[in-house]
Amino acid sequence: MIVKFQAYYNGELWCAEAEQEDIFAIGGTLEELMTNVDLAARVHYSGRLAREEGLHIMVTNDVGAGG
């Protein structure tokens, strides 16, 4: 399964919202955001994926990686 997120910087924190699901994550740095996105997606899909089905996460940022 592929889960796509859109990331942005709100002036204080990095935020990411899933495009198709109700998943949201924040982080003080991009590294922290990526860790939290992974955790949020895995918790959201916990018990809903077949054992052999992997979870692939894509995070995009149309504005650029500033902040």
N, C-alpha and C. Protein backbone atom coordinates (compact mmCIF):
# COMPACT_ATOMS: atom_id res chain seq x y z
N MET A 1 0.85 -1.17 0.00
CA MET A 1 0.00 0.00 0.00
C MET A 1 0.89 1.23 0.00
N ILE A 2 0.53 2.22 -0.80
CA ILE A 2 1.25 3.49 -0.86
C ILE A 2 0.41 4.56 -0.18
N VAL A 3 1.02 5.30 0.74
CA VAL A 3 0.37 6.40 1.44
C VAL A 3 1.15 7.68 1.10
N LYS A 4 0.45 8.64 0.50
CA LYS A 4 1.10 9.89 0.09
C LYS A 4 0.77 11.00 1.08
N PHE A 5 1.81 11.73 1.49
CA PHE A 5 1.68 12.86 2.39
C PHE A 5 2.16 14.13 1.72
N GLN A 6 1.55 15.24 2.07
CA GLN A 6 2.00 16.56 1.66
C GLN A 6 2.57 17.23 2.89
N ALA A 7 3.85 17.65 2.83
CA ALA A 7 4.51 18.29 3.96
C ALA A 7 4.61 19.79 3.74
N TYR A 8 4.59 20.53 4.84
CA TYR A 8 4.76 21.98 4.77
C TYR A 8 5.29 22.49 6.11
N TYR A 9 5.87 23.67 6.08
CA TYR A 9 6.38 24.31 7.29
C TYR A 9 5.41 25.43 7.63
N ASN A 10 4.87 25.44 8.85
CA ASN A 10 3.85 26.42 9.22
C ASN A 10 4.43 27.65 9.93
N GLY A 11 5.75 27.78 9.91
CA GLY A 11 6.39 28.90 10.58
C GLY A 11 7.00 28.51 11.92
N GLU A 12 6.52 27.42 12.49
CA GLU A 12 7.04 26.89 13.76
C GLU A 12 7.42 25.42 13.67
N LEU A 13 6.59 24.65 13.00
CA LEU A 13 6.76 23.20 12.94
C LEU A 13 6.59 22.69 11.51
N TRP A 14 7.20 21.54 11.26
CA TRP A 14 6.93 20.82 10.01
C TRP A 14 5.68 19.99 10.22
N CYS A 15 4.79 20.00 9.23
CA CYS A 15 3.52 19.28 9.29
C CYS A 15 3.38 18.41 8.04
N ALA A 16 2.66 17.32 8.16
CA ALA A 16 2.38 16.47 7.00
C ALA A 16 0.97 15.92 7.13
N GLU A 17 0.24 16.00 6.02
CA GLU A 17 -1.13 15.47 5.96
C GLU A 17 -1.21 14.44 4.86
N ALA A 18 -1.83 13.31 5.15
CA ALA A 18 -2.04 12.28 4.13
C ALA A 18 -3.06 12.77 3.12
N GLU A 19 -2.86 12.41 1.85
CA GLU A 19 -3.76 12.85 0.80
C GLU A 19 -5.10 12.12 0.81
N GLN A 20 -5.10 10.84 1.12
CA GLN A 20 -6.32 10.03 1.01
C GLN A 20 -6.91 9.61 2.35
N GLU A 21 -6.15 9.72 3.40
CA GLU A 21 -6.60 9.25 4.72
C GLU A 21 -6.54 10.39 5.73
N ASP A 22 -7.13 10.18 6.87
CA ASP A 22 -7.13 11.17 7.95
C ASP A 22 -5.93 10.90 8.86
N ILE A 23 -4.73 11.23 8.33
CA ILE A 23 -3.49 11.02 9.08
C ILE A 23 -2.73 12.35 9.07
N PHE A 24 -2.25 12.77 10.23
CA PHE A 24 -1.54 14.03 10.36
C PHE A 24 -0.36 13.83 11.30
N ALA A 25 0.77 14.46 10.99
CA ALA A 25 1.94 14.36 11.85
C ALA A 25 2.66 15.70 11.88
N ILE A 26 3.39 15.96 12.97
CA ILE A 26 4.18 17.18 13.09
C ILE A 26 5.57 16.83 13.61
N GLY A 27 6.51 17.76 13.40
CA GLY A 27 7.86 17.59 13.92
C GLY A 27 8.59 18.91 13.94
N GLY A 28 9.51 19.05 14.86
CA GLY A 28 10.31 20.27 14.95
C GLY A 28 11.36 20.36 13.87
N THR A 29 11.77 19.21 13.33
CA THR A 29 12.72 19.15 12.23
C THR A 29 12.16 18.21 11.17
N LEU A 30 12.76 18.23 9.99
CA LEU A 30 12.32 17.29 8.95
C LEU A 30 12.55 15.85 9.38
N GLU A 31 13.66 15.60 10.04
CA GLU A 31 13.94 14.24 10.50
C GLU A 31 12.87 13.77 11.50
N GLU A 32 12.51 14.63 12.43
CA GLU A 32 11.47 14.30 13.40
C GLU A 32 10.12 14.11 12.71
N LEU A 33 9.84 14.95 11.72
CA LEU A 33 8.59 14.81 10.97
C LEU A 33 8.53 13.46 10.28
N MET A 34 9.62 13.05 9.62
CA MET A 34 9.61 11.78 8.91
C MET A 34 9.40 10.61 9.87
N THR A 35 10.02 10.68 11.03
CA THR A 35 9.81 9.63 12.05
C THR A 35 8.35 9.59 12.47
N ASN A 36 7.76 10.76 12.69
CA ASN A 36 6.37 10.82 13.15
C ASN A 36 5.38 10.43 12.05
N VAL A 37 5.69 10.75 10.80
CA VAL A 37 4.85 10.32 9.68
C VAL A 37 4.82 8.79 9.61
N ASP A 38 6.00 8.19 9.71
CA ASP A 38 6.08 6.73 9.67
C ASP A 38 5.27 6.11 10.80
N LEU A 39 5.44 6.63 12.00
CA LEU A 39 4.70 6.11 13.16
C LEU A 39 3.19 6.30 13.00
N ALA A 40 2.78 7.50 12.58
CA ALA A 40 1.34 7.78 12.42
C ALA A 40 0.71 6.86 11.37
N ALA A 41 1.40 6.65 10.25
CA ALA A 41 0.86 5.78 9.21
C ALA A 41 0.77 4.34 9.69
N ARG A 42 1.80 3.87 10.38
CA ARG A 42 1.78 2.49 10.88
C ARG A 42 0.68 2.27 11.92
N VAL A 43 0.48 3.25 12.78
CA VAL A 43 -0.60 3.14 13.77
C VAL A 43 -1.95 3.15 13.07
N HIS A 44 -2.11 4.05 12.10
CA HIS A 44 -3.38 4.16 11.38
C HIS A 44 -3.76 2.85 10.69
N TYR A 45 -2.77 2.19 10.08
CA TYR A 45 -3.04 0.96 9.34
C TYR A 45 -2.82 -0.30 10.17
N SER A 46 -2.51 -0.18 11.43
CA SER A 46 -2.28 -1.32 12.29
C SER A 46 -3.48 -2.28 12.25
N GLY A 47 -3.20 -3.51 11.90
CA GLY A 47 -4.24 -4.52 11.85
C GLY A 47 -5.10 -4.49 10.60
N ARG A 48 -4.86 -3.53 9.69
CA ARG A 48 -5.68 -3.43 8.48
C ARG A 48 -4.97 -3.92 7.23
N LEU A 49 -3.67 -4.16 7.32
CA LEU A 49 -2.91 -4.63 6.16
C LEU A 49 -2.70 -6.13 6.25
N ALA A 50 -2.73 -6.78 5.10
CA ALA A 50 -2.39 -8.20 5.07
C ALA A 50 -0.92 -8.33 5.45
N ARG A 51 -0.56 -9.44 6.07
CA ARG A 51 0.80 -9.64 6.55
C ARG A 51 1.84 -9.42 5.45
N GLU A 52 1.55 -9.86 4.25
CA GLU A 52 2.52 -9.75 3.16
C GLU A 52 2.47 -8.38 2.46
N GLU A 53 1.49 -7.55 2.80
CA GLU A 53 1.37 -6.24 2.18
C GLU A 53 2.24 -5.23 2.92
N GLY A 54 3.11 -4.57 2.20
CA GLY A 54 3.98 -3.57 2.81
C GLY A 54 3.33 -2.20 2.82
N LEU A 55 3.90 -1.31 3.61
CA LEU A 55 3.43 0.07 3.69
C LEU A 55 4.54 0.96 3.15
N HIS A 56 4.25 1.67 2.08
CA HIS A 56 5.22 2.56 1.45
C HIS A 56 4.72 3.99 1.61
N ILE A 57 5.58 4.84 2.16
CA ILE A 57 5.20 6.21 2.48
C ILE A 57 5.95 7.17 1.56
N MET A 58 5.18 8.06 0.93
CA MET A 58 5.76 9.11 0.08
C MET A 58 5.42 10.46 0.69
N VAL A 59 6.42 11.30 0.87
CA VAL A 59 6.21 12.64 1.41
C VAL A 59 6.72 13.65 0.39
N THR A 60 5.85 14.58 -0.01
CA THR A 60 6.24 15.61 -0.96
C THR A 60 6.08 16.98 -0.34
N ASN A 61 6.82 17.93 -0.90
CA ASN A 61 6.78 19.31 -0.45
C ASN A 61 6.94 20.16 -1.69
N ASP A 62 5.85 20.77 -2.16
CA ASP A 62 5.88 21.55 -3.39
C ASP A 62 6.63 22.86 -3.25
N VAL A 63 6.75 23.38 -2.06
CA VAL A 63 7.36 24.68 -1.83
C VAL A 63 8.89 24.58 -1.76
N GLY A 64 9.40 23.46 -1.35
CA GLY A 64 10.82 23.29 -1.14
C GLY A 64 11.09 22.96 0.31
N ALA A 65 12.28 22.53 0.59
CA ALA A 65 12.61 22.08 1.94
C ALA A 65 13.27 23.21 2.72
N GLY A 66 12.57 24.30 2.86
CA GLY A 66 13.10 25.41 3.65
C GLY A 66 12.63 25.32 5.08
N GLY A 67 13.08 26.22 5.89
CA GLY A 67 12.57 26.24 7.26
C GLY A 67 13.64 26.18 8.20
